[in-house]
N, C-alpha and C. Protein backbone atom coordinates (compact mmCIF):
# COMPACT_ATOMS: atom_id res chain seq x y z
N MET A 1 -3.43 17.40 92.19
CA MET A 1 -3.85 18.17 93.38
C MET A 1 -4.12 19.58 92.89
N ALA A 2 -3.65 19.99 91.73
CA ALA A 2 -3.73 21.49 91.42
C ALA A 2 -5.09 21.97 91.30
N LYS A 3 -6.12 21.13 90.96
CA LYS A 3 -7.45 21.52 90.87
C LYS A 3 -8.02 21.96 92.22
N HIS A 4 -7.37 21.58 93.32
CA HIS A 4 -7.94 21.87 94.61
C HIS A 4 -7.35 23.18 95.22
N PHE A 5 -6.46 23.80 94.43
CA PHE A 5 -5.78 25.06 94.99
C PHE A 5 -5.99 26.22 94.00
N ALA A 6 -6.21 27.40 94.59
CA ALA A 6 -6.22 28.63 93.79
C ALA A 6 -4.83 29.34 94.03
N LEU A 7 -4.20 29.64 92.97
CA LEU A 7 -2.83 30.19 93.10
C LEU A 7 -2.92 31.65 92.68
N THR A 8 -2.10 32.42 93.44
CA THR A 8 -1.91 33.77 93.03
C THR A 8 -0.41 34.13 92.99
N ILE A 9 0.07 34.36 91.84
CA ILE A 9 1.50 34.61 91.52
C ILE A 9 1.70 36.03 90.97
N THR A 10 2.54 36.79 91.60
CA THR A 10 2.91 38.12 91.07
C THR A 10 4.48 38.17 90.93
N ASP A 11 4.95 39.28 90.53
CA ASP A 11 6.38 39.43 90.35
C ASP A 11 7.25 39.21 91.65
N ASP A 12 6.57 39.61 92.83
CA ASP A 12 7.32 39.49 94.14
C ASP A 12 6.56 38.75 95.17
N SER A 13 5.54 37.96 94.78
CA SER A 13 4.82 37.15 95.83
C SER A 13 4.21 35.90 95.23
N PHE A 14 3.93 35.11 96.11
CA PHE A 14 3.27 33.83 95.85
C PHE A 14 2.31 33.42 96.91
N SER A 15 1.04 33.20 96.60
CA SER A 15 0.05 32.71 97.70
C SER A 15 -0.90 31.72 97.05
N TYR A 16 -1.49 30.98 97.96
CA TYR A 16 -2.44 30.01 97.48
C TYR A 16 -3.41 29.76 98.57
N ARG A 17 -4.51 29.26 98.14
CA ARG A 17 -5.64 28.87 99.10
C ARG A 17 -6.40 27.64 98.61
N ARG A 18 -6.80 26.91 99.53
CA ARG A 18 -7.59 25.68 99.25
C ARG A 18 -8.96 25.99 98.64
N LYS A 19 -9.56 25.11 97.83
CA LYS A 19 -10.92 25.33 97.35
C LYS A 19 -11.80 24.30 98.11
N PRO A 20 -12.39 24.70 99.24
CA PRO A 20 -13.03 23.81 100.14
C PRO A 20 -14.27 23.04 99.38
N ASP A 21 -14.98 23.83 98.58
CA ASP A 21 -16.14 23.21 97.91
C ASP A 21 -15.74 21.92 97.09
N GLY A 22 -14.65 22.15 96.33
CA GLY A 22 -14.21 21.17 95.34
C GLY A 22 -13.56 20.00 96.15
N ILE A 23 -12.99 20.21 97.17
CA ILE A 23 -12.29 19.27 98.04
C ILE A 23 -13.50 18.34 98.67
N ALA A 24 -14.48 19.07 99.26
CA ALA A 24 -15.60 18.30 99.83
C ALA A 24 -16.30 17.51 98.84
N ALA A 25 -16.52 17.98 97.70
CA ALA A 25 -17.24 17.27 96.65
C ALA A 25 -16.55 15.98 96.32
N GLU A 26 -15.14 16.08 96.11
CA GLU A 26 -14.42 14.88 95.74
C GLU A 26 -14.36 13.91 96.94
N ALA A 27 -14.29 14.43 98.19
CA ALA A 27 -14.23 13.52 99.35
C ALA A 27 -15.42 12.64 99.44
N ARG A 28 -16.65 13.24 99.00
CA ARG A 28 -17.86 12.35 99.09
C ARG A 28 -17.75 11.16 98.14
N LEU A 29 -16.91 11.16 97.13
CA LEU A 29 -16.80 10.05 96.25
C LEU A 29 -15.48 9.15 96.53
N ASP A 30 -14.78 9.47 97.55
CA ASP A 30 -13.64 8.71 97.90
C ASP A 30 -13.90 7.23 98.05
N GLY A 31 -13.23 6.41 97.38
CA GLY A 31 -13.46 4.98 97.49
C GLY A 31 -14.64 4.42 96.82
N LEU A 32 -15.40 5.29 95.97
CA LEU A 32 -16.58 4.83 95.33
C LEU A 32 -16.38 5.02 93.85
N TYR A 33 -17.05 4.25 93.12
CA TYR A 33 -17.18 4.44 91.60
C TYR A 33 -18.62 4.32 91.16
N ILE A 34 -18.90 4.91 90.12
CA ILE A 34 -20.30 4.98 89.56
C ILE A 34 -20.36 4.17 88.27
N VAL A 35 -21.31 3.27 88.21
CA VAL A 35 -21.61 2.54 86.97
C VAL A 35 -23.03 2.96 86.54
N ARG A 36 -23.09 3.36 85.28
CA ARG A 36 -24.37 3.84 84.73
C ARG A 36 -24.74 2.91 83.57
N THR A 37 -25.99 2.66 83.44
CA THR A 37 -26.57 1.88 82.38
C THR A 37 -27.79 2.49 81.74
N SER A 38 -28.06 2.26 80.54
CA SER A 38 -29.26 2.76 79.96
C SER A 38 -30.49 1.97 80.12
N LEU A 39 -30.36 0.84 80.76
CA LEU A 39 -31.38 -0.05 81.00
C LEU A 39 -32.28 0.46 82.15
N PRO A 40 -33.58 0.14 82.08
CA PRO A 40 -34.56 0.63 83.12
C PRO A 40 -34.23 -0.34 84.45
N ALA A 41 -34.59 0.21 85.55
CA ALA A 41 -34.40 -0.58 86.79
C ALA A 41 -35.02 -1.86 86.84
N ASP A 42 -36.29 -2.03 86.21
CA ASP A 42 -36.90 -3.37 86.23
C ASP A 42 -36.23 -4.33 85.32
N ALA A 43 -35.36 -3.94 84.44
CA ALA A 43 -34.69 -4.82 83.52
C ALA A 43 -33.39 -5.43 84.13
N MET A 44 -32.79 -4.56 84.97
CA MET A 44 -31.51 -4.97 85.52
C MET A 44 -31.40 -4.22 86.90
N SER A 45 -31.18 -4.95 87.97
CA SER A 45 -31.09 -4.40 89.25
C SER A 45 -29.69 -3.81 89.41
N ALA A 46 -29.44 -3.01 90.50
CA ALA A 46 -28.16 -2.50 90.83
C ALA A 46 -27.11 -3.55 90.97
N THR A 47 -27.53 -4.63 91.64
CA THR A 47 -26.46 -5.71 91.92
C THR A 47 -26.10 -6.36 90.52
N ASP A 48 -27.09 -6.47 89.66
CA ASP A 48 -26.80 -7.05 88.31
C ASP A 48 -25.94 -6.20 87.52
N VAL A 49 -26.17 -4.88 87.62
CA VAL A 49 -25.25 -3.95 86.83
C VAL A 49 -23.86 -4.01 87.33
N VAL A 50 -23.65 -4.05 88.57
CA VAL A 50 -22.21 -4.17 89.22
C VAL A 50 -21.68 -5.53 88.78
N GLY A 51 -22.49 -6.55 88.84
CA GLY A 51 -21.99 -7.81 88.47
C GLY A 51 -21.52 -7.90 87.02
N SER A 52 -22.33 -7.29 86.16
CA SER A 52 -21.94 -7.24 84.79
C SER A 52 -20.71 -6.46 84.53
N TYR A 53 -20.55 -5.37 85.27
CA TYR A 53 -19.32 -4.56 85.14
C TYR A 53 -18.12 -5.33 85.63
N LYS A 54 -18.21 -6.02 86.73
CA LYS A 54 -17.15 -6.75 87.21
C LYS A 54 -16.82 -7.86 86.29
N ALA A 55 -17.78 -8.40 85.52
CA ALA A 55 -17.45 -9.48 84.59
C ALA A 55 -16.50 -9.10 83.49
N LEU A 56 -16.30 -7.86 83.41
CA LEU A 56 -15.25 -7.32 82.39
C LEU A 56 -13.97 -8.01 82.65
N ALA A 57 -13.71 -8.29 83.94
CA ALA A 57 -12.37 -8.97 84.26
C ALA A 57 -12.19 -10.28 83.52
N ARG A 58 -13.32 -10.95 83.39
CA ARG A 58 -13.24 -12.27 82.66
C ARG A 58 -12.94 -12.05 81.20
N VAL A 59 -13.48 -11.00 80.71
CA VAL A 59 -13.23 -10.58 79.29
C VAL A 59 -11.71 -10.25 79.05
N GLU A 60 -11.19 -9.52 80.02
CA GLU A 60 -9.83 -9.16 79.89
C GLU A 60 -8.89 -10.39 80.03
N ARG A 61 -9.28 -11.39 81.00
CA ARG A 61 -8.50 -12.60 81.09
C ARG A 61 -8.57 -13.44 79.73
N ALA A 62 -9.74 -13.36 79.12
CA ALA A 62 -9.84 -14.05 77.84
C ALA A 62 -8.92 -13.52 76.80
N PHE A 63 -8.84 -12.15 76.72
CA PHE A 63 -7.92 -11.57 75.84
C PHE A 63 -6.49 -11.88 76.09
N ARG A 64 -6.09 -11.93 77.37
CA ARG A 64 -4.70 -12.25 77.75
C ARG A 64 -4.45 -13.68 77.37
N ALA A 65 -5.44 -14.60 77.58
CA ALA A 65 -5.26 -16.01 77.12
C ALA A 65 -5.09 -16.10 75.64
N LEU A 66 -5.91 -15.27 74.97
CA LEU A 66 -5.76 -15.36 73.41
C LEU A 66 -4.37 -14.91 73.00
N LYS A 67 -3.87 -13.77 73.58
CA LYS A 67 -2.72 -13.15 73.14
C LYS A 67 -1.36 -13.74 73.74
N SER A 68 -1.51 -14.49 74.88
CA SER A 68 -0.31 -14.94 75.57
C SER A 68 0.04 -16.36 74.95
N ILE A 69 0.87 -17.08 75.72
CA ILE A 69 1.33 -18.37 75.20
C ILE A 69 0.29 -19.45 75.25
N ASP A 70 -0.95 -19.11 75.87
CA ASP A 70 -2.02 -20.12 75.79
C ASP A 70 -2.37 -20.45 74.34
N LEU A 71 -2.73 -19.41 73.67
CA LEU A 71 -3.32 -19.59 72.33
C LEU A 71 -2.63 -18.89 71.24
N GLN A 72 -1.74 -17.89 71.65
CA GLN A 72 -0.85 -17.25 70.65
C GLN A 72 -1.58 -16.70 69.40
N ILE A 73 -2.57 -15.91 69.56
CA ILE A 73 -3.25 -15.35 68.39
C ILE A 73 -2.30 -14.42 67.66
N ARG A 74 -1.33 -13.87 68.39
CA ARG A 74 -0.36 -13.04 67.66
C ARG A 74 1.07 -13.64 68.11
N PRO A 75 2.04 -13.43 67.26
CA PRO A 75 2.01 -12.80 65.96
C PRO A 75 1.28 -13.64 64.85
N VAL A 76 0.62 -13.01 63.94
CA VAL A 76 0.00 -13.63 62.83
C VAL A 76 0.95 -13.65 61.69
N HIS A 77 1.31 -14.94 61.29
CA HIS A 77 2.25 -15.10 60.26
C HIS A 77 1.58 -15.41 58.82
N HIS A 78 0.48 -14.75 58.62
CA HIS A 78 -0.29 -14.84 57.40
C HIS A 78 -0.47 -13.49 56.80
N TRP A 79 -0.57 -13.48 55.47
CA TRP A 79 -0.72 -12.18 54.76
C TRP A 79 -2.01 -12.17 53.94
N ILE A 80 -2.53 -13.31 53.59
CA ILE A 80 -3.79 -13.38 52.75
C ILE A 80 -5.01 -13.33 53.71
N GLU A 81 -5.95 -12.46 53.34
CA GLU A 81 -7.03 -12.31 54.33
C GLU A 81 -7.75 -13.53 54.71
N PRO A 82 -8.12 -14.45 53.81
CA PRO A 82 -8.71 -15.71 54.24
C PRO A 82 -7.90 -16.56 55.26
N ARG A 83 -6.59 -16.46 55.17
CA ARG A 83 -5.81 -17.30 56.07
C ARG A 83 -5.73 -16.50 57.48
N VAL A 84 -5.80 -15.12 57.46
CA VAL A 84 -5.82 -14.42 58.71
C VAL A 84 -7.11 -14.73 59.42
N ARG A 85 -8.18 -14.65 58.65
CA ARG A 85 -9.51 -14.93 59.27
C ARG A 85 -9.54 -16.41 59.86
N ALA A 86 -9.04 -17.29 59.11
CA ALA A 86 -8.95 -18.65 59.62
C ALA A 86 -8.22 -18.87 60.87
N HIS A 87 -7.06 -18.14 60.91
CA HIS A 87 -6.22 -18.28 62.05
C HIS A 87 -6.96 -17.67 63.28
N VAL A 88 -7.60 -16.45 63.16
CA VAL A 88 -8.28 -15.92 64.27
C VAL A 88 -9.48 -16.79 64.71
N PHE A 89 -10.16 -17.36 63.66
CA PHE A 89 -11.33 -18.25 63.98
C PHE A 89 -10.88 -19.43 64.71
N LEU A 90 -9.71 -20.00 64.46
CA LEU A 90 -9.30 -21.22 65.18
C LEU A 90 -8.77 -20.78 66.50
N CYS A 91 -8.21 -19.64 66.68
CA CYS A 91 -7.95 -19.19 68.03
C CYS A 91 -9.17 -19.01 68.91
N MET A 92 -10.11 -18.34 68.37
CA MET A 92 -11.35 -18.25 69.05
C MET A 92 -12.07 -19.51 69.41
N LEU A 93 -12.01 -20.43 68.47
CA LEU A 93 -12.59 -21.80 68.67
C LEU A 93 -11.83 -22.45 69.81
N ALA A 94 -10.48 -22.37 69.79
CA ALA A 94 -9.69 -22.99 70.86
C ALA A 94 -9.98 -22.35 72.21
N TYR A 95 -10.22 -21.02 72.29
CA TYR A 95 -10.58 -20.48 73.57
C TYR A 95 -12.03 -20.94 74.02
N TYR A 96 -12.93 -21.11 73.08
CA TYR A 96 -14.26 -21.58 73.44
C TYR A 96 -14.18 -22.96 74.00
N VAL A 97 -13.27 -23.82 73.47
CA VAL A 97 -13.10 -25.12 74.04
C VAL A 97 -12.45 -25.11 75.41
N GLU A 98 -11.40 -24.22 75.57
CA GLU A 98 -10.77 -24.06 76.81
C GLU A 98 -11.77 -23.61 77.88
N TRP A 99 -12.53 -22.60 77.54
CA TRP A 99 -13.54 -22.09 78.56
C TRP A 99 -14.51 -23.11 79.00
N HIS A 100 -14.91 -24.07 78.09
CA HIS A 100 -15.79 -25.18 78.61
C HIS A 100 -15.03 -26.12 79.45
N LEU A 101 -13.77 -26.47 79.03
CA LEU A 101 -12.97 -27.34 79.85
C LEU A 101 -12.75 -26.86 81.23
N ARG A 102 -12.41 -25.60 81.31
CA ARG A 102 -12.13 -25.00 82.70
C ARG A 102 -13.39 -25.07 83.48
N ARG A 103 -14.49 -24.87 83.02
CA ARG A 103 -15.78 -24.95 83.76
C ARG A 103 -16.08 -26.35 84.21
N LEU A 104 -15.87 -27.33 83.30
CA LEU A 104 -16.15 -28.66 83.70
C LEU A 104 -15.08 -29.32 84.72
N TRP A 105 -13.82 -28.89 84.46
CA TRP A 105 -12.75 -29.32 85.26
C TRP A 105 -12.47 -28.53 86.53
N ALA A 106 -13.32 -27.55 86.88
CA ALA A 106 -13.10 -26.69 87.99
C ALA A 106 -12.97 -27.38 89.32
N PRO A 107 -13.67 -28.55 89.58
CA PRO A 107 -13.44 -29.19 90.84
C PRO A 107 -12.03 -29.82 91.02
N ILE A 108 -11.29 -30.00 89.94
CA ILE A 108 -9.91 -30.60 90.13
C ILE A 108 -8.89 -29.62 89.68
N LEU A 109 -9.29 -28.26 89.48
CA LEU A 109 -8.34 -27.25 89.26
C LEU A 109 -8.41 -26.37 90.47
N PHE A 110 -7.37 -25.38 90.50
CA PHE A 110 -7.32 -24.39 91.58
C PHE A 110 -8.45 -23.33 91.46
N ASP A 111 -9.23 -23.40 90.37
CA ASP A 111 -10.27 -22.42 90.11
C ASP A 111 -11.46 -22.65 91.12
N GLU A 112 -12.22 -21.58 91.19
CA GLU A 112 -13.46 -21.67 92.06
C GLU A 112 -14.55 -22.61 91.39
N HIS A 113 -15.00 -23.45 92.13
CA HIS A 113 -15.96 -24.46 91.55
C HIS A 113 -17.32 -24.41 92.32
N ASP A 114 -17.51 -23.64 93.30
CA ASP A 114 -18.70 -23.47 93.97
C ASP A 114 -19.14 -21.99 94.00
N GLN A 115 -19.53 -21.50 92.77
CA GLN A 115 -19.72 -20.05 92.65
C GLN A 115 -20.88 -19.57 93.60
N PRO A 116 -21.99 -20.28 93.67
CA PRO A 116 -23.06 -19.75 94.58
C PRO A 116 -22.60 -19.44 95.93
N ALA A 117 -21.83 -20.45 96.56
CA ALA A 117 -21.33 -20.33 97.90
C ALA A 117 -20.32 -19.19 98.04
N ALA A 118 -19.58 -18.98 96.98
CA ALA A 118 -18.64 -17.84 96.94
C ALA A 118 -19.37 -16.44 96.94
N GLU A 119 -20.44 -16.46 96.15
CA GLU A 119 -21.23 -15.18 96.09
C GLU A 119 -21.94 -14.88 97.29
N ALA A 120 -22.41 -16.00 97.96
CA ALA A 120 -23.18 -15.77 99.25
C ALA A 120 -22.42 -15.21 100.36
N GLN A 121 -21.00 -15.36 100.26
CA GLN A 121 -20.13 -14.91 101.34
C GLN A 121 -19.84 -13.33 101.11
N ARG A 122 -20.17 -12.76 99.93
CA ARG A 122 -19.85 -11.35 99.76
C ARG A 122 -20.89 -10.49 100.38
N ALA A 123 -20.43 -9.51 101.14
CA ALA A 123 -21.30 -8.57 101.84
C ALA A 123 -22.10 -7.76 100.84
N SER A 124 -21.41 -7.38 99.73
CA SER A 124 -22.13 -6.62 98.71
C SER A 124 -21.42 -6.99 97.34
N PRO A 125 -22.14 -6.60 96.29
CA PRO A 125 -21.53 -6.92 94.94
C PRO A 125 -20.23 -6.22 94.63
N VAL A 126 -19.92 -5.09 95.32
CA VAL A 126 -18.68 -4.40 95.11
C VAL A 126 -17.47 -4.95 96.00
N ALA A 127 -17.92 -5.76 97.05
CA ALA A 127 -16.84 -6.34 97.88
C ALA A 127 -16.00 -7.28 97.04
N ALA A 128 -14.72 -7.42 97.52
CA ALA A 128 -13.77 -8.35 96.96
C ALA A 128 -14.26 -9.74 97.08
N ALA A 129 -14.07 -10.53 95.92
CA ALA A 129 -14.53 -11.89 95.90
C ALA A 129 -13.80 -12.75 96.96
N GLU A 130 -14.48 -13.64 97.54
CA GLU A 130 -13.86 -14.51 98.60
C GLU A 130 -14.06 -15.98 98.14
N PRO A 131 -13.08 -16.83 98.18
CA PRO A 131 -13.28 -18.24 97.78
C PRO A 131 -14.22 -18.89 98.61
N SER A 132 -14.95 -19.89 98.09
CA SER A 132 -15.96 -20.59 98.85
C SER A 132 -15.18 -21.58 99.84
N PRO A 133 -15.89 -22.07 100.84
CA PRO A 133 -15.25 -23.09 101.76
C PRO A 133 -14.70 -24.29 101.16
N ALA A 134 -15.44 -24.76 100.06
CA ALA A 134 -14.94 -25.91 99.34
C ALA A 134 -13.66 -25.59 98.55
N SER A 135 -13.47 -24.41 97.97
CA SER A 135 -12.30 -24.03 97.27
C SER A 135 -11.07 -23.86 98.22
N LEU A 136 -11.37 -23.24 99.42
CA LEU A 136 -10.34 -23.09 100.41
C LEU A 136 -9.87 -24.44 100.90
N ARG A 137 -10.82 -25.46 101.04
CA ARG A 137 -10.42 -26.72 101.50
C ARG A 137 -9.58 -27.44 100.60
N LYS A 138 -10.00 -27.48 99.22
CA LYS A 138 -9.21 -28.19 98.25
C LYS A 138 -7.78 -27.51 98.05
N ARG A 139 -7.77 -26.06 98.10
CA ARG A 139 -6.44 -25.48 97.93
C ARG A 139 -5.47 -25.76 99.12
N GLY A 140 -6.11 -25.87 100.31
CA GLY A 140 -5.29 -26.13 101.51
C GLY A 140 -4.74 -27.59 101.48
N ARG A 141 -5.53 -28.48 101.03
CA ARG A 141 -5.10 -29.88 101.06
C ARG A 141 -4.38 -30.36 99.69
N ARG A 142 -4.58 -29.40 98.67
CA ARG A 142 -4.10 -29.80 97.35
C ARG A 142 -4.82 -30.99 96.77
N ARG A 143 -5.92 -31.31 97.31
CA ARG A 143 -6.76 -32.44 96.83
C ARG A 143 -8.20 -32.04 96.86
N SER A 144 -9.03 -32.67 96.01
CA SER A 144 -10.42 -32.43 95.89
C SER A 144 -11.07 -33.23 97.07
N ASP A 145 -12.42 -33.05 97.23
CA ASP A 145 -13.06 -33.78 98.38
C ASP A 145 -13.00 -35.24 98.19
N ASP A 146 -12.88 -35.64 96.90
CA ASP A 146 -12.70 -37.16 96.50
C ASP A 146 -11.33 -37.56 96.62
N GLY A 147 -10.39 -36.81 97.02
CA GLY A 147 -9.01 -37.24 97.19
C GLY A 147 -8.15 -37.09 95.89
N VAL A 148 -8.71 -36.50 94.85
CA VAL A 148 -7.98 -36.42 93.64
C VAL A 148 -7.12 -35.20 93.64
N PRO A 149 -5.80 -35.31 93.33
CA PRO A 149 -4.93 -34.13 93.33
C PRO A 149 -5.44 -33.07 92.37
N ILE A 150 -5.31 -31.79 92.86
CA ILE A 150 -5.71 -30.69 92.00
C ILE A 150 -4.44 -30.10 91.37
N SER A 151 -4.69 -29.33 90.28
CA SER A 151 -3.55 -28.82 89.59
C SER A 151 -4.01 -27.60 88.79
N SER A 152 -3.04 -27.02 88.08
CA SER A 152 -3.39 -25.88 87.22
C SER A 152 -3.99 -26.49 85.88
N PHE A 153 -4.57 -25.62 85.13
CA PHE A 153 -5.14 -26.12 83.79
C PHE A 153 -4.02 -26.67 82.89
N ARG A 154 -2.96 -25.94 82.83
CA ARG A 154 -1.88 -26.36 81.96
C ARG A 154 -1.25 -27.64 82.44
N ASP A 155 -1.10 -27.87 83.77
CA ASP A 155 -0.45 -28.99 84.26
C ASP A 155 -1.43 -30.27 83.97
N LEU A 156 -2.76 -29.98 84.10
CA LEU A 156 -3.70 -31.03 83.87
C LEU A 156 -3.54 -31.51 82.42
N LEU A 157 -3.51 -30.60 81.48
CA LEU A 157 -3.35 -30.91 80.10
C LEU A 157 -2.02 -31.66 79.83
N ARG A 158 -0.96 -31.33 80.47
CA ARG A 158 0.27 -32.04 80.34
C ARG A 158 0.10 -33.54 80.91
N HIS A 159 -0.58 -33.64 82.01
CA HIS A 159 -0.68 -34.94 82.53
C HIS A 159 -1.66 -35.84 81.57
N LEU A 160 -2.64 -35.27 81.08
CA LEU A 160 -3.51 -35.98 80.18
C LEU A 160 -2.73 -36.41 78.84
N ALA A 161 -1.76 -35.68 78.49
CA ALA A 161 -0.96 -35.97 77.28
C ALA A 161 -0.20 -37.17 77.43
N THR A 162 0.03 -37.78 78.71
CA THR A 162 0.82 -38.93 78.94
C THR A 162 -0.04 -40.16 78.68
N LEU A 163 -1.33 -40.04 78.46
CA LEU A 163 -2.16 -41.20 78.18
C LEU A 163 -1.91 -41.56 76.75
N THR A 164 -1.37 -42.77 76.54
CA THR A 164 -1.03 -43.13 75.20
C THR A 164 -1.85 -44.37 74.58
N LEU A 165 -1.81 -44.44 73.28
CA LEU A 165 -2.33 -45.59 72.57
C LEU A 165 -1.23 -46.17 71.72
N ASN A 166 -0.98 -47.38 71.89
CA ASN A 166 0.09 -48.03 71.11
C ASN A 166 -0.44 -49.16 70.23
N THR A 167 0.10 -49.21 69.06
CA THR A 167 -0.34 -50.27 68.06
C THR A 167 0.91 -51.24 67.95
N VAL A 168 0.60 -52.41 68.30
CA VAL A 168 1.73 -53.45 68.23
C VAL A 168 1.59 -54.33 67.04
N ALA A 169 2.57 -54.45 66.27
CA ALA A 169 2.47 -55.29 65.08
C ALA A 169 3.33 -56.47 65.25
N VAL A 170 2.71 -57.59 65.01
CA VAL A 170 3.47 -59.01 65.16
C VAL A 170 3.75 -59.55 63.82
N PRO A 171 5.02 -59.59 63.33
CA PRO A 171 5.23 -60.09 62.01
C PRO A 171 5.15 -61.65 61.93
N GLY A 172 4.97 -62.16 60.72
CA GLY A 172 4.81 -63.57 60.49
C GLY A 172 4.10 -63.85 59.24
N THR A 173 3.74 -65.13 59.08
CA THR A 173 3.07 -65.41 57.83
C THR A 173 1.77 -64.70 57.73
N LYS A 174 1.14 -64.61 59.03
CA LYS A 174 -0.12 -63.88 59.06
C LYS A 174 0.07 -62.68 60.03
N PRO A 175 0.57 -61.62 59.59
CA PRO A 175 0.91 -60.43 60.42
C PRO A 175 -0.35 -60.04 61.16
N THR A 176 -0.27 -59.70 62.43
CA THR A 176 -1.35 -59.26 63.19
C THR A 176 -0.99 -58.04 63.97
N THR A 177 -1.99 -57.19 64.29
CA THR A 177 -1.76 -55.96 65.02
C THR A 177 -2.67 -56.03 66.25
N ALA A 178 -2.19 -55.37 67.31
CA ALA A 178 -2.97 -55.21 68.46
C ALA A 178 -2.88 -53.76 68.95
N THR A 179 -3.97 -53.25 69.55
CA THR A 179 -3.87 -51.89 70.10
C THR A 179 -3.87 -52.04 71.56
N LEU A 180 -2.95 -51.36 72.21
CA LEU A 180 -2.79 -51.32 73.63
C LEU A 180 -3.05 -49.98 74.11
N TYR A 181 -3.92 -49.88 75.14
CA TYR A 181 -4.19 -48.57 75.69
C TYR A 181 -3.52 -48.54 77.12
N ALA A 182 -2.90 -47.34 77.28
CA ALA A 182 -2.32 -47.13 78.67
C ALA A 182 -3.38 -47.09 79.69
N ARG A 183 -3.09 -47.49 80.93
CA ARG A 183 -4.13 -47.50 81.95
C ARG A 183 -4.16 -46.14 82.55
N PRO A 184 -5.34 -45.42 82.47
CA PRO A 184 -5.38 -44.05 82.98
C PRO A 184 -5.18 -43.97 84.45
N THR A 185 -4.57 -42.84 84.87
CA THR A 185 -4.36 -42.63 86.33
C THR A 185 -5.69 -42.22 86.89
N PRO A 186 -5.86 -42.15 88.20
CA PRO A 186 -7.06 -41.75 88.83
C PRO A 186 -7.49 -40.31 88.50
N LEU A 187 -6.37 -39.42 88.30
CA LEU A 187 -6.67 -38.08 87.90
C LEU A 187 -7.16 -37.94 86.51
N GLN A 188 -6.65 -38.78 85.58
CA GLN A 188 -7.16 -38.86 84.22
C GLN A 188 -8.58 -39.40 84.15
N VAL A 189 -8.85 -40.42 84.97
CA VAL A 189 -10.17 -40.95 84.94
C VAL A 189 -11.20 -39.92 85.43
N THR A 190 -10.81 -39.15 86.44
CA THR A 190 -11.71 -38.12 86.92
C THR A 190 -11.92 -37.04 85.95
N ALA A 191 -10.89 -36.62 85.28
CA ALA A 191 -10.95 -35.63 84.29
C ALA A 191 -11.92 -35.99 83.11
N PHE A 192 -11.80 -37.25 82.68
CA PHE A 192 -12.79 -37.75 81.64
C PHE A 192 -14.16 -37.88 82.24
N GLN A 193 -14.33 -38.31 83.41
CA GLN A 193 -15.60 -38.47 83.95
C GLN A 193 -16.26 -37.07 83.92
N LEU A 194 -15.51 -36.00 84.36
CA LEU A 194 -16.05 -34.66 84.40
C LEU A 194 -16.61 -34.21 83.00
N LEU A 195 -15.94 -34.67 82.01
CA LEU A 195 -16.26 -34.35 80.54
C LEU A 195 -17.39 -35.27 80.06
N GLY A 196 -17.75 -36.34 80.82
CA GLY A 196 -18.71 -37.24 80.33
C GLY A 196 -18.10 -38.24 79.34
N ILE A 197 -16.80 -38.59 79.45
CA ILE A 197 -16.19 -39.45 78.56
C ILE A 197 -15.64 -40.58 79.30
N ARG A 198 -15.79 -41.79 78.69
CA ARG A 198 -15.20 -42.95 79.29
C ARG A 198 -13.95 -43.42 78.41
N PRO A 199 -12.74 -43.26 79.05
CA PRO A 199 -11.56 -43.68 78.23
C PRO A 199 -11.58 -45.08 77.90
N ALA A 200 -10.98 -45.40 76.74
CA ALA A 200 -10.96 -46.78 76.23
C ALA A 200 -9.96 -47.57 77.18
N ALA A 201 -10.32 -48.81 77.40
CA ALA A 201 -9.50 -49.68 78.19
C ALA A 201 -9.01 -50.90 77.33
């Protein structure tokens, strides 16, 4: 606040006065922020500029995923440069895979899966994002429109990890082996269908 006041201090007095011009200038920008770009107006509209700026939140989430328990890019326990580079490359590759999985699995995750409907509800590009009716519906019922339970990304991975493949060996004069596949749950079937994969039966 000091910039809005002019102080006069002497040995036996103290006085101050407000700076009305500076206060008025700052009041005009209350609640507003300015985003500037070097691109011409015909290359990117004001809405697109704000959208690009707000997309930085996704970049920050990506860095958190890389550094946190999701992918653990740090600490790096390597000292030789090629190994450090390989470690970082694998972490980036893992995040690339995760990003695609999250997009494809969005209908059975708590994530937004109807982005156009969510964007249509916003009064302006600077307004807070609102979930689409489809997302509100699935979050409220904890199920997708198809009746499949929804979960977090991590819980879905844990559930998929329960799908097993067992090799049974039968001893004898002619030993034989058989492969038994666990029967996938409805959630596992849906997850594979969204990836375009048909689990073995």
